[in-house]
Amino acid sequence: MRSQQPLTVTVPADVADMLRERVESGQSMSETEAIREGLLALQERDEEIEQWLRHDVLPTLDAHRSDPQRAETLAAARQRLNTAIDDIERNEFE
């Protein structure tokens, strides 16, 4: 069994309403469980963001720092994006 520690928190009225609604609807067993679920979801989201930063953003930043001449201008990026959007729209409406 998990150890528990009593903790008193004050929340805005709308948050208290959300907690009660989750319990009344059966989505959560208790207000405590709803808060626990919310904190676990935040932790999971934070871990996903951390992974994205480490595996996608940081390598791109490192590549740019090692060879800034490879960077694309804003105008070129916009053009590439607009072309991609146009291609998607043409395929959707054909």
PDB file of N, CA and C in Angstrom:
ATOM      1  N   MET A   1       0.841  -1.194   0.000  1.00  0.00           N
ATOM      2  CA  MET A   1       0.000   0.000   0.000  1.00  0.00           C
ATOM      3  C   MET A   1       0.875   1.243   0.000  1.00  0.00           C
ATOM      4  N   ARG A   2       0.495   2.228  -0.782  1.00  0.00           N
ATOM      5  CA  ARG A   2       1.251   3.469  -0.839  1.00  0.00           C
ATOM      6  C   ARG A   2       1.123   4.234   0.467  1.00  0.00           C
ATOM      7  N   SER A   3       2.224   4.856   0.860  1.00  0.00           N
ATOM      8  CA  SER A   3       2.124   5.704   2.037  1.00  0.00           C
ATOM      9  C   SER A   3       1.457   7.010   1.623  1.00  0.00           C
ATOM     10  N   GLN A   4       0.731   7.576   2.519  1.00  0.00           N
ATOM     11  CA  GLN A   4       0.029   8.824   2.234  1.00  0.00           C
ATOM     12  C   GLN A   4       0.410   9.859   3.270  1.00  0.00           C
ATOM     13  N   GLN A   5       0.338  11.091   2.842  1.00  0.00           N
ATOM     14  CA  GLN A   5       0.627  12.213   3.722  1.00  0.00           C
ATOM     15  C   GLN A   5      -0.473  13.234   3.560  1.00  0.00           C
ATOM     16  N   PRO A   6      -1.124  13.611   4.644  1.00  0.00           N
ATOM     17  CA  PRO A   6      -2.171  14.622   4.541  1.00  0.00           C
ATOM     18  C   PRO A   6      -1.582  15.952   4.054  1.00  0.00           C
ATOM     19  N   LEU A   7      -2.321  16.609   3.188  1.00  0.00           N
ATOM     20  CA  LEU A   7      -1.890  17.882   2.633  1.00  0.00           C
ATOM     21  C   LEU A   7      -3.131  18.720   2.384  1.00  0.00           C
ATOM     22  N   THR A   8      -3.108  19.927   2.846  1.00  0.00           N
ATOM     23  CA  THR A   8      -4.233  20.832   2.637  1.00  0.00           C
ATOM     24  C   THR A   8      -3.833  21.864   1.589  1.00  0.00           C
ATOM     25  N   VAL A   9      -4.668  21.988   0.557  1.00  0.00           N
ATOM     26  CA  VAL A   9      -4.411  22.981  -0.484  1.00  0.00           C
ATOM     27  C   VAL A   9      -5.666  23.811  -0.701  1.00  0.00           C
ATOM     28  N   THR A  10      -5.460  25.011  -1.152  1.00  0.00           N
ATOM     29  CA  THR A  10      -6.580  25.882  -1.500  1.00  0.00           C
ATOM     30  C   THR A  10      -6.571  26.039  -3.010  1.00  0.00           C
ATOM     31  N   VAL A  11      -7.722  25.772  -3.631  1.00  0.00           N
ATOM     32  CA  VAL A  11      -7.828  25.871  -5.085  1.00  0.00           C
ATOM     33  C   VAL A  11      -8.935  26.852  -5.438  1.00  0.00           C
ATOM     34  N   PRO A  12      -8.859  27.428  -6.631  1.00  0.00           N
ATOM     35  CA  PRO A  12      -9.948  28.304  -7.070  1.00  0.00           C
ATOM     36  C   PRO A  12     -11.266  27.523  -7.157  1.00  0.00           C
ATOM     37  N   ALA A  13     -12.360  28.238  -7.072  1.00  0.00           N
ATOM     38  CA  ALA A  13     -13.683  27.605  -7.077  1.00  0.00           C
ATOM     39  C   ALA A  13     -13.905  26.758  -8.317  1.00  0.00           C
ATOM     40  N   ASP A  14     -13.443  27.222  -9.485  1.00  0.00           N
ATOM     41  CA  ASP A  14     -13.665  26.443 -10.702  1.00  0.00           C
ATOM     42  C   ASP A  14     -12.894  25.121 -10.679  1.00  0.00           C
ATOM     43  N   VAL A  15     -11.729  25.105 -10.056  1.00  0.00           N
ATOM     44  CA  VAL A  15     -10.960  23.862  -9.939  1.00  0.00           C
ATOM     45  C   VAL A  15     -11.653  22.915  -8.971  1.00  0.00           C
ATOM     46  N   ALA A  16     -12.166  23.461  -7.869  1.00  0.00           N
ATOM     47  CA  ALA A  16     -12.908  22.637  -6.916  1.00  0.00           C
ATOM     48  C   ALA A  16     -14.138  22.032  -7.597  1.00  0.00           C
ATOM     49  N   ASP A  17     -14.807  22.808  -8.439  1.00  0.00           N
ATOM     50  CA  ASP A  17     -15.966  22.297  -9.178  1.00  0.00           C
ATOM     51  C   ASP A  17     -15.550  21.168 -10.120  1.00  0.00           C
ATOM     52  N   MET A  18     -14.419  21.352 -10.809  1.00  0.00           N
ATOM     53  CA  MET A  18     -13.938  20.302 -11.724  1.00  0.00           C
ATOM     54  C   MET A  18     -13.636  19.019 -10.953  1.00  0.00           C
ATOM     55  N   LEU A  19     -13.014  19.147  -9.797  1.00  0.00           N
ATOM     56  CA  LEU A  19     -12.707  17.968  -8.991  1.00  0.00           C
ATOM     57  C   LEU A  19     -13.987  17.245  -8.576  1.00  0.00           C
ATOM     58  N   ARG A  20     -14.953  18.001  -8.082  1.00  0.00           N
ATOM     59  CA  ARG A  20     -16.226  17.390  -7.666  1.00  0.00           C
ATOM     60  C   ARG A  20     -16.923  16.721  -8.851  1.00  0.00           C
ATOM     61  N   GLU A  21     -16.915  17.381 -10.001  1.00  0.00           N
ATOM     62  CA  GLU A  21     -17.560  16.823 -11.192  1.00  0.00           C
ATOM     63  C   GLU A  21     -16.908  15.512 -11.623  1.00  0.00           C
ATOM     64  N   ARG A  22     -15.578  15.447 -11.533  1.00  0.00           N
ATOM     65  CA  ARG A  22     -14.881  14.207 -11.911  1.00  0.00           C
ATOM     66  C   ARG A  22     -15.297  13.060 -10.986  1.00  0.00           C
ATOM     67  N   VAL A  23     -15.423  13.360  -9.699  1.00  0.00           N
ATOM     68  CA  VAL A  23     -15.811  12.322  -8.743  1.00  0.00           C
ATOM     69  C   VAL A  23     -17.270  11.935  -8.945  1.00  0.00           C
ATOM     70  N   GLU A  24     -18.145  12.923  -9.082  1.00  0.00           N
ATOM     71  CA  GLU A  24     -19.570  12.647  -9.252  1.00  0.00           C
ATOM     72  C   GLU A  24     -19.856  11.878 -10.530  1.00  0.00           C
ATOM     73  N   SER A  25     -19.073  12.127 -11.574  1.00  0.00           N
ATOM     74  CA  SER A  25     -19.290  11.440 -12.851  1.00  0.00           C
ATOM     75  C   SER A  25     -18.661  10.050 -12.874  1.00  0.00           C
ATOM     76  N   GLY A  26     -17.857   9.748 -11.868  1.00  0.00           N
ATOM     77  CA  GLY A  26     -17.193   8.453 -11.823  1.00  0.00           C
ATOM     78  C   GLY A  26     -15.865   8.416 -12.560  1.00  0.00           C
ATOM     79  N   GLN A  27     -15.421   9.551 -13.094  1.00  0.00           N
ATOM     80  CA  GLN A  27     -14.138   9.586 -13.790  1.00  0.00           C
ATOM     81  C   GLN A  27     -12.974   9.377 -12.830  1.00  0.00           C
ATOM     82  N   SER A  28     -13.154   9.779 -11.583  1.00  0.00           N
ATOM     83  CA  SER A  28     -12.139   9.595 -10.542  1.00  0.00           C
ATOM     84  C   SER A  28     -12.839   9.084  -9.294  1.00  0.00           C
ATOM     85  N   MET A  29     -12.095   8.322  -8.522  1.00  0.00           N
ATOM     86  CA  MET A  29     -12.670   7.764  -7.297  1.00  0.00           C
ATOM     87  C   MET A  29     -12.802   8.803  -6.188  1.00  0.00           C
ATOM     88  N   SER A  30     -11.927   9.810  -6.204  1.00  0.00           N
ATOM     89  CA  SER A  30     -11.944  10.840  -5.168  1.00  0.00           C
ATOM     90  C   SER A  30     -11.241  12.084  -5.698  1.00  0.00           C
ATOM     91  N   GLU A  31     -11.383  13.194  -4.972  1.00  0.00           N
ATOM     92  CA  GLU A  31     -10.669  14.399  -5.352  1.00  0.00           C
ATOM     93  C   GLU A  31      -9.165  14.153  -5.320  1.00  0.00           C
ATOM     94  N   THR A  32      -8.717  13.406  -4.323  1.00  0.00           N
ATOM     95  CA  THR A  32      -7.299  13.071  -4.212  1.00  0.00           C
ATOM     96  C   THR A  32      -6.835  12.310  -5.445  1.00  0.00           C
ATOM     97  N   GLU A  33      -7.614  11.333  -5.877  1.00  0.00           N
ATOM     98  CA  GLU A  33      -7.248  10.551  -7.062  1.00  0.00           C
ATOM     99  C   GLU A  33      -7.242  11.427  -8.311  1.00  0.00           C
ATOM    100  N   ALA A  34      -8.179  12.358  -8.418  1.00  0.00           N
ATOM    101  CA  ALA A  34      -8.214  13.261  -9.577  1.00  0.00           C
ATOM    102  C   ALA A  34      -6.961  14.127  -9.617  1.00  0.00           C
ATOM    103  N   ILE A  35      -6.558  14.634  -8.479  1.00  0.00           N
ATOM    104  CA  ILE A  35      -5.343  15.451  -8.421  1.00  0.00           C
ATOM    105  C   ILE A  35      -4.133  14.592  -8.775  1.00  0.00           C
ATOM    106  N   ARG A  36      -4.072  13.384  -8.260  1.00  0.00           N
ATOM    107  CA  ARG A  36      -2.970  12.474  -8.559  1.00  0.00           C
ATOM    108  C   ARG A  36      -2.909  12.197 -10.065  1.00  0.00           C
ATOM    109  N   GLU A  37      -4.066  11.916 -10.674  1.00  0.00           N
ATOM    110  CA  GLU A  37      -4.112  11.662 -12.122  1.00  0.00           C
ATOM    111  C   GLU A  37      -3.620  12.879 -12.905  1.00  0.00           C
ATOM    112  N   GLY A  38      -4.041  14.067 -12.474  1.00  0.00           N
ATOM    113  CA  GLY A  38      -3.611  15.287 -13.145  1.00  0.00           C
ATOM    114  C   GLY A  38      -2.114  15.507 -13.032  1.00  0.00           C
ATOM    115  N   LEU A  39      -1.560  15.260 -11.860  1.00  0.00           N
ATOM    116  CA  LEU A  39      -0.121  15.425 -11.674  1.00  0.00           C
ATOM    117  C   LEU A  39       0.662  14.396 -12.483  1.00  0.00           C
ATOM    118  N   LEU A  40       0.162  13.171 -12.544  1.00  0.00           N
ATOM    119  CA  LEU A  40       0.833  12.150 -13.356  1.00  0.00           C
ATOM    120  C   LEU A  40       0.786  12.517 -14.836  1.00  0.00           C
ATOM    121  N   ALA A  41      -0.336  13.079 -15.292  1.00  0.00           N
ATOM    122  CA  ALA A  41      -0.443  13.508 -16.691  1.00  0.00           C
ATOM    123  C   ALA A  41       0.537  14.648 -16.977  1.00  0.00           C
ATOM    124  N   LEU A  42       0.670  15.582 -16.044  1.00  0.00           N
ATOM    125  CA  LEU A  42       1.642  16.672 -16.214  1.00  0.00           C
ATOM    126  C   LEU A  42       3.065  16.125 -16.259  1.00  0.00           C
ATOM    127  N   GLN A  43       3.348  15.174 -15.388  1.00  0.00           N
ATOM    128  CA  GLN A  43       4.679  14.572 -15.374  1.00  0.00           C
ATOM    129  C   GLN A  43       4.974  13.869 -16.707  1.00  0.00           C
ATOM    130  N   GLU A  44       3.991  13.148 -17.224  1.00  0.00           N
ATOM    131  CA  GLU A  44       4.160  12.460 -18.507  1.00  0.00           C
ATOM    132  C   GLU A  44       4.385  13.468 -19.637  1.00  0.00           C
ATOM    133  N   ARG A  45       3.606  14.537 -19.644  1.00  0.00           N
ATOM    134  CA  ARG A  45       3.770  15.582 -20.660  1.00  0.00           C
ATOM    135  C   ARG A  45       5.142  16.217 -20.572  1.00  0.00           C
ATOM    136  N   ASP A  46       5.591  16.505 -19.344  1.00  0.00           N
ATOM    137  CA  ASP A  46       6.910  17.102 -19.162  1.00  0.00           C
ATOM    138  C   ASP A  46       8.009  16.171 -19.669  1.00  0.00           C
ATOM    139  N   GLU A  47       7.868  14.875 -19.427  1.00  0.00           N
ATOM    140  CA  GLU A  47       8.853  13.905 -19.906  1.00  0.00           C
ATOM    141  C   GLU A  47       8.862  13.846 -21.432  1.00  0.00           C
ATOM    142  N   GLU A  48       7.681  13.926 -22.058  1.00  0.00           N
ATOM    143  CA  GLU A  48       7.608  13.929 -23.525  1.00  0.00           C
ATOM    144  C   GLU A  48       8.273  15.175 -24.103  1.00  0.00           C
ATOM    145  N   ILE A  49       8.043  16.321 -23.471  1.00  0.00           N
ATOM    146  CA  ILE A  49       8.676  17.553 -23.922  1.00  0.00           C
ATOM    147  C   ILE A  49      10.187  17.451 -23.770  1.00  0.00           C
ATOM    148  N   GLU A  50      10.634  16.907 -22.659  1.00  0.00           N
ATOM    149  CA  GLU A  50      12.065  16.731 -22.431  1.00  0.00           C
ATOM    150  C   GLU A  50      12.689  15.836 -23.507  1.00  0.00           C
ATOM    151  N   GLN A  51      12.012  14.753 -23.846  1.00  0.00           N
ATOM    152  CA  GLN A  51      12.502  13.861 -24.899  1.00  0.00           C
ATOM    153  C   GLN A  51      12.560  14.577 -26.241  1.00  0.00           C
ATOM    154  N   TRP A  52      11.525  15.341 -26.570  1.00  0.00           N
ATOM    155  CA  TRP A  52      11.486  16.097 -27.825  1.00  0.00           C
ATOM    156  C   TRP A  52      12.646  17.088 -27.879  1.00  0.00           C
ATOM    157  N   LEU A  53      12.867  17.786 -26.770  1.00  0.00           N
ATOM    158  CA  LEU A  53      13.964  18.750 -26.735  1.00  0.00           C
ATOM    159  C   LEU A  53      15.312  18.058 -26.942  1.00  0.00           C
ATOM    160  N   ARG A  54      15.500  16.931 -26.249  1.00  0.00           N
ATOM    161  CA  ARG A  54      16.785  16.222 -26.332  1.00  0.00           C
ATOM    162  C   ARG A  54      17.012  15.576 -27.701  1.00  0.00           C
ATOM    163  N   HIS A  55      15.963  14.987 -28.282  1.00  0.00           N
ATOM    164  CA  HIS A  55      16.132  14.181 -29.491  1.00  0.00           C
ATOM    165  C   HIS A  55      15.868  14.937 -30.795  1.00  0.00           C
ATOM    166  N   ASP A  56      15.127  16.017 -30.738  1.00  0.00           N
ATOM    167  CA  ASP A  56      14.808  16.763 -31.965  1.00  0.00           C
ATOM    168  C   ASP A  56      15.411  18.168 -31.968  1.00  0.00           C
ATOM    169  N   VAL A  57      15.137  18.918 -30.924  1.00  0.00           N
ATOM    170  CA  VAL A  57      15.543  20.321 -30.907  1.00  0.00           C
ATOM    171  C   VAL A  57      17.052  20.471 -30.728  1.00  0.00           C
ATOM    172  N   LEU A  58      17.615  19.804 -29.734  1.00  0.00           N
ATOM    173  CA  LEU A  58      19.037  19.970 -29.452  1.00  0.00           C
ATOM    174  C   LEU A  58      19.926  19.562 -30.632  1.00  0.00           C
ATOM    175  N   PRO A  59      19.672  18.404 -31.285  1.00  0.00           N
ATOM    176  CA  PRO A  59      20.510  18.073 -32.450  1.00  0.00           C
ATOM    177  C   PRO A  59      20.408  19.120 -33.567  1.00  0.00           C
ATOM    178  N   THR A  60      19.225  19.675 -33.762  1.00  0.00           N
ATOM    179  CA  THR A  60      19.061  20.709 -34.787  1.00  0.00           C
ATOM    180  C   THR A  60      19.839  21.963 -34.411  1.00  0.00           C
ATOM    181  N   LEU A  61      19.765  22.343 -33.153  1.00  0.00           N
ATOM    182  CA  LEU A  61      20.506  23.509 -32.680  1.00  0.00           C
ATOM    183  C   LEU A  61      22.008  23.271 -32.815  1.00  0.00           C
ATOM    184  N   ASP A  62      22.471  22.092 -32.424  1.00  0.00           N
ATOM    185  CA  ASP A  62      23.897  21.770 -32.555  1.00  0.00           C
ATOM    186  C   ASP A  62      24.346  21.815 -34.014  1.00  0.00           C
ATOM    187  N   ALA A  63      23.523  21.279 -34.914  1.00  0.00           N
ATOM    188  CA  ALA A  63      23.874  21.294 -36.339  1.00  0.00           C
ATOM    189  C   ALA A  63      23.964  22.728 -36.843  1.00  0.00           C
ATOM    190  N   HIS A  64      23.036  23.566 -36.412  1.00  0.00           N
ATOM    191  CA  HIS A  64      23.065  24.973 -36.830  1.00  0.00           C
ATOM    192  C   HIS A  64      24.318  25.673 -36.300  1.00  0.00           C
ATOM    193  N   ARG A  65      24.634  25.420 -35.042  1.00  0.00           N
ATOM    194  CA  ARG A  65      25.813  26.063 -34.458  1.00  0.00           C
ATOM    195  C   ARG A  65      27.096  25.624 -35.166  1.00  0.00           C
ATOM    196  N   SER A  66      27.144  24.360 -35.589  1.00  0.00           N
ATOM    197  CA  SER A  66      28.368  23.874 -36.237  1.00  0.00           C
ATOM    198  C   SER A  66      28.489  24.368 -37.675  1.00  0.00           C
ATOM    199  N   ASP A  67      27.346  24.697 -38.317  1.00  0.00           N
ATOM    200  CA  ASP A  67      27.396  25.178 -39.700  1.00  0.00           C
ATOM    201  C   ASP A  67      26.237  26.131 -39.958  1.00  0.00           C
ATOM    202  N   PRO A  68      26.353  27.371 -39.478  1.00  0.00           N
ATOM    203  CA  PRO A  68      25.242  28.327 -39.607  1.00  0.00           C
ATOM    204  C   PRO A  68      24.862  28.635 -41.049  1.00  0.00           C
ATOM    205  N   GLN A  69      25.749  28.388 -42.003  1.00  0.00           N
ATOM    206  CA  GLN A  69      25.453  28.677 -43.401  1.00  0.00           C
ATOM    207  C   GLN A  69      24.366  27.761 -43.959  1.00  0.00           C
ATOM    208  N   ARG A  70      24.136  26.628 -43.301  1.00  0.00           N
ATOM    209  CA  ARG A  70      23.097  25.692 -43.754  1.00  0.00           C
ATOM    210  C   ARG A  70      21.692  26.182 -43.396  1.00  0.00           C
ATOM    211  N   ALA A  71      21.610  27.209 -42.565  1.00  0.00           N
ATOM    212  CA  ALA A  71      20.301  27.704 -42.115  1.00  0.00           C
ATOM    213  C   ALA A  71      19.494  28.231 -43.294  1.00  0.00           C
ATOM    214  N   GLU A  72      18.210  28.038 -43.200  1.00  0.00           N
ATOM    215  CA  GLU A  72      17.291  28.488 -44.241  1.00  0.00           C
ATOM    216  C   GLU A  72      16.782  29.878 -43.870  1.00  0.00           C
ATOM    217  N   THR A  73      16.642  30.750 -44.851  1.00  0.00           N
ATOM    218  CA  THR A  73      16.098  32.073 -44.564  1.00  0.00           C
ATOM    219  C   THR A  73      14.613  31.941 -44.228  1.00  0.00           C
ATOM    220  N   LEU A  74      14.091  32.934 -43.555  1.00  0.00           N
ATOM    221  CA  LEU A  74      12.674  32.939 -43.219  1.00  0.00           C
ATOM    222  C   LEU A  74      11.819  32.922 -44.481  1.00  0.00           C
ATOM    223  N   ALA A  75      12.217  33.692 -45.473  1.00  0.00           N
ATOM    224  CA  ALA A  75      11.456  33.735 -46.730  1.00  0.00           C
ATOM    225  C   ALA A  75      11.441  32.360 -47.399  1.00  0.00           C
ATOM    226  N   ALA A  76      12.565  31.666 -47.385  1.00  0.00           N
ATOM    227  CA  ALA A  76      12.624  30.333 -48.000  1.00  0.00           C
ATOM    228  C   ALA A  76      11.773  29.339 -47.218  1.00  0.00           C
ATOM    229  N   ALA A  77      11.810  29.442 -45.902  1.00  0.00           N
ATOM    230  CA  ALA A  77      11.003  28.539 -45.077  1.00  0.00           C
ATOM    231  C   ALA A  77       9.514  28.779 -45.325  1.00  0.00           C
ATOM    232  N   ARG A  78       9.121  30.043 -45.417  1.00  0.00           N
ATOM    233  CA  ARG A  78       7.714  30.362 -45.710  1.00  0.00           C
ATOM    234  C   ARG A  78       7.294  29.813 -47.062  1.00  0.00           C
ATOM    235  N   GLN A  79       8.148  29.968 -48.047  1.00  0.00           N
ATOM    236  CA  GLN A  79       7.842  29.472 -49.385  1.00  0.00           C
ATOM    237  C   GLN A  79       7.690  27.956 -49.370  1.00  0.00           C
ATOM    238  N   ARG A  80       8.600  27.272 -48.679  1.00  0.00           N
ATOM    239  CA  ARG A  80       8.530  25.812 -48.600  1.00  0.00           C
ATOM    240  C   ARG A  80       7.246  25.379 -47.886  1.00  0.00           C
ATOM    241  N   LEU A  81       6.901  26.077 -46.824  1.00  0.00           N
ATOM    242  CA  LEU A  81       5.678  25.772 -46.088  1.00  0.00           C
ATOM    243  C   LEU A  81       4.442  26.028 -46.951  1.00  0.00           C
ATOM    244  N   ASN A  82       4.399  27.144 -47.639  1.00  0.00           N
ATOM    245  CA  ASN A  82       3.255  27.457 -48.500  1.00  0.00           C
ATOM    246  C   ASN A  82       3.110  26.434 -49.618  1.00  0.00           C
ATOM    247  N   THR A  83       4.224  26.000 -50.176  1.00  0.00           N
ATOM    248  CA  THR A  83       4.184  24.967 -51.223  1.00  0.00           C
ATOM    249  C   THR A  83       3.624  23.670 -50.666  1.00  0.00           C
ATOM    250  N   ALA A  84       4.060  23.299 -49.481  1.00  0.00           N
ATOM    251  CA  ALA A  84       3.567  22.063 -48.858  1.00  0.00           C
ATOM    252  C   ALA A  84       2.067  22.158 -48.576  1.00  0.00           C
ATOM    253  N   ILE A  85       1.621  23.308 -48.111  1.00  0.00           N
ATOM    254  CA  ILE A  85       0.187  23.508 -47.837  1.00  0.00           C
ATOM    255  C   ILE A  85      -0.606  23.433 -49.137  1.00  0.00           C
ATOM    256  N   ASP A  86      -0.107  24.067 -50.173  1.00  0.00           N
ATOM    257  CA  ASP A  86      -0.778  24.007 -51.473  1.00  0.00           C
ATOM    258  C   ASP A  86      -0.883  22.566 -51.970  1.00  0.00           C
ATOM    259  N   ASP A  87       0.192  21.795 -51.821  1.00  0.00           N
ATOM    260  CA  ASP A  87       0.176  20.380 -52.230  1.00  0.00           C
ATOM    261  C   ASP A  87      -0.870  19.592 -51.452  1.00  0.00           C
ATOM    262  N   ILE A  88      -0.941  19.830 -50.159  1.00  0.00           N
ATOM    263  CA  ILE A  88      -1.930  19.135 -49.327  1.00  0.00           C
ATOM    264  C   ILE A  88      -3.337  19.508 -49.759  1.00  0.00           C
ATOM    265  N   GLU A  89      -3.581  20.795 -49.961  1.00  0.00           N
ATOM    266  CA  GLU A  89      -4.914  21.247 -50.359  1.00  0.00           C
ATOM    267  C   GLU A  89      -5.308  20.688 -51.724  1.00  0.00           C
ATOM    268  N   ARG A  90      -4.373  20.631 -52.652  1.00  0.00           N
ATOM    269  CA  ARG A  90      -4.691  20.053 -53.973  1.00  0.00           C
ATOM    270  C   ARG A  90      -5.057  18.579 -53.857  1.00  0.00           C
ATOM    271  N   ASN A  91      -4.340  17.845 -53.045  1.00  0.00           N
ATOM    272  CA  ASN A  91      -4.630  16.419 -52.861  1.00  0.00           C
ATOM    273  C   ASN A  91      -5.943  16.171 -52.146  1.00  0.00           C
ATOM    274  N   GLU A  92      -6.323  17.062 -51.248  1.00  0.00           N
ATOM    275  CA  GLU A  92      -7.579  16.902 -50.510  1.00  0.00           C
ATOM    276  C   GLU A  92      -8.785  17.171 -51.393  1.00  0.00           C
ATOM    277  N   PHE A  93      -8.643  18.059 -52.352  1.00  0.00           N
ATOM    278  CA  PHE A  93      -9.792  18.487 -53.143  1.00  0.00           C
ATOM    279  C   PHE A  93      -9.831  17.871 -54.540  1.00  0.00           C
ATOM    280  N   GLU A  94      -8.938  16.959 -54.828  1.00  0.00           N
ATOM    281  CA  GLU A  94      -8.965  16.306 -56.142  1.00  0.00           C
ATOM    282  C   GLU A  94      -9.912  15.131 -56.129  1.00  0.00           C
TER     283      GLU A  94
END
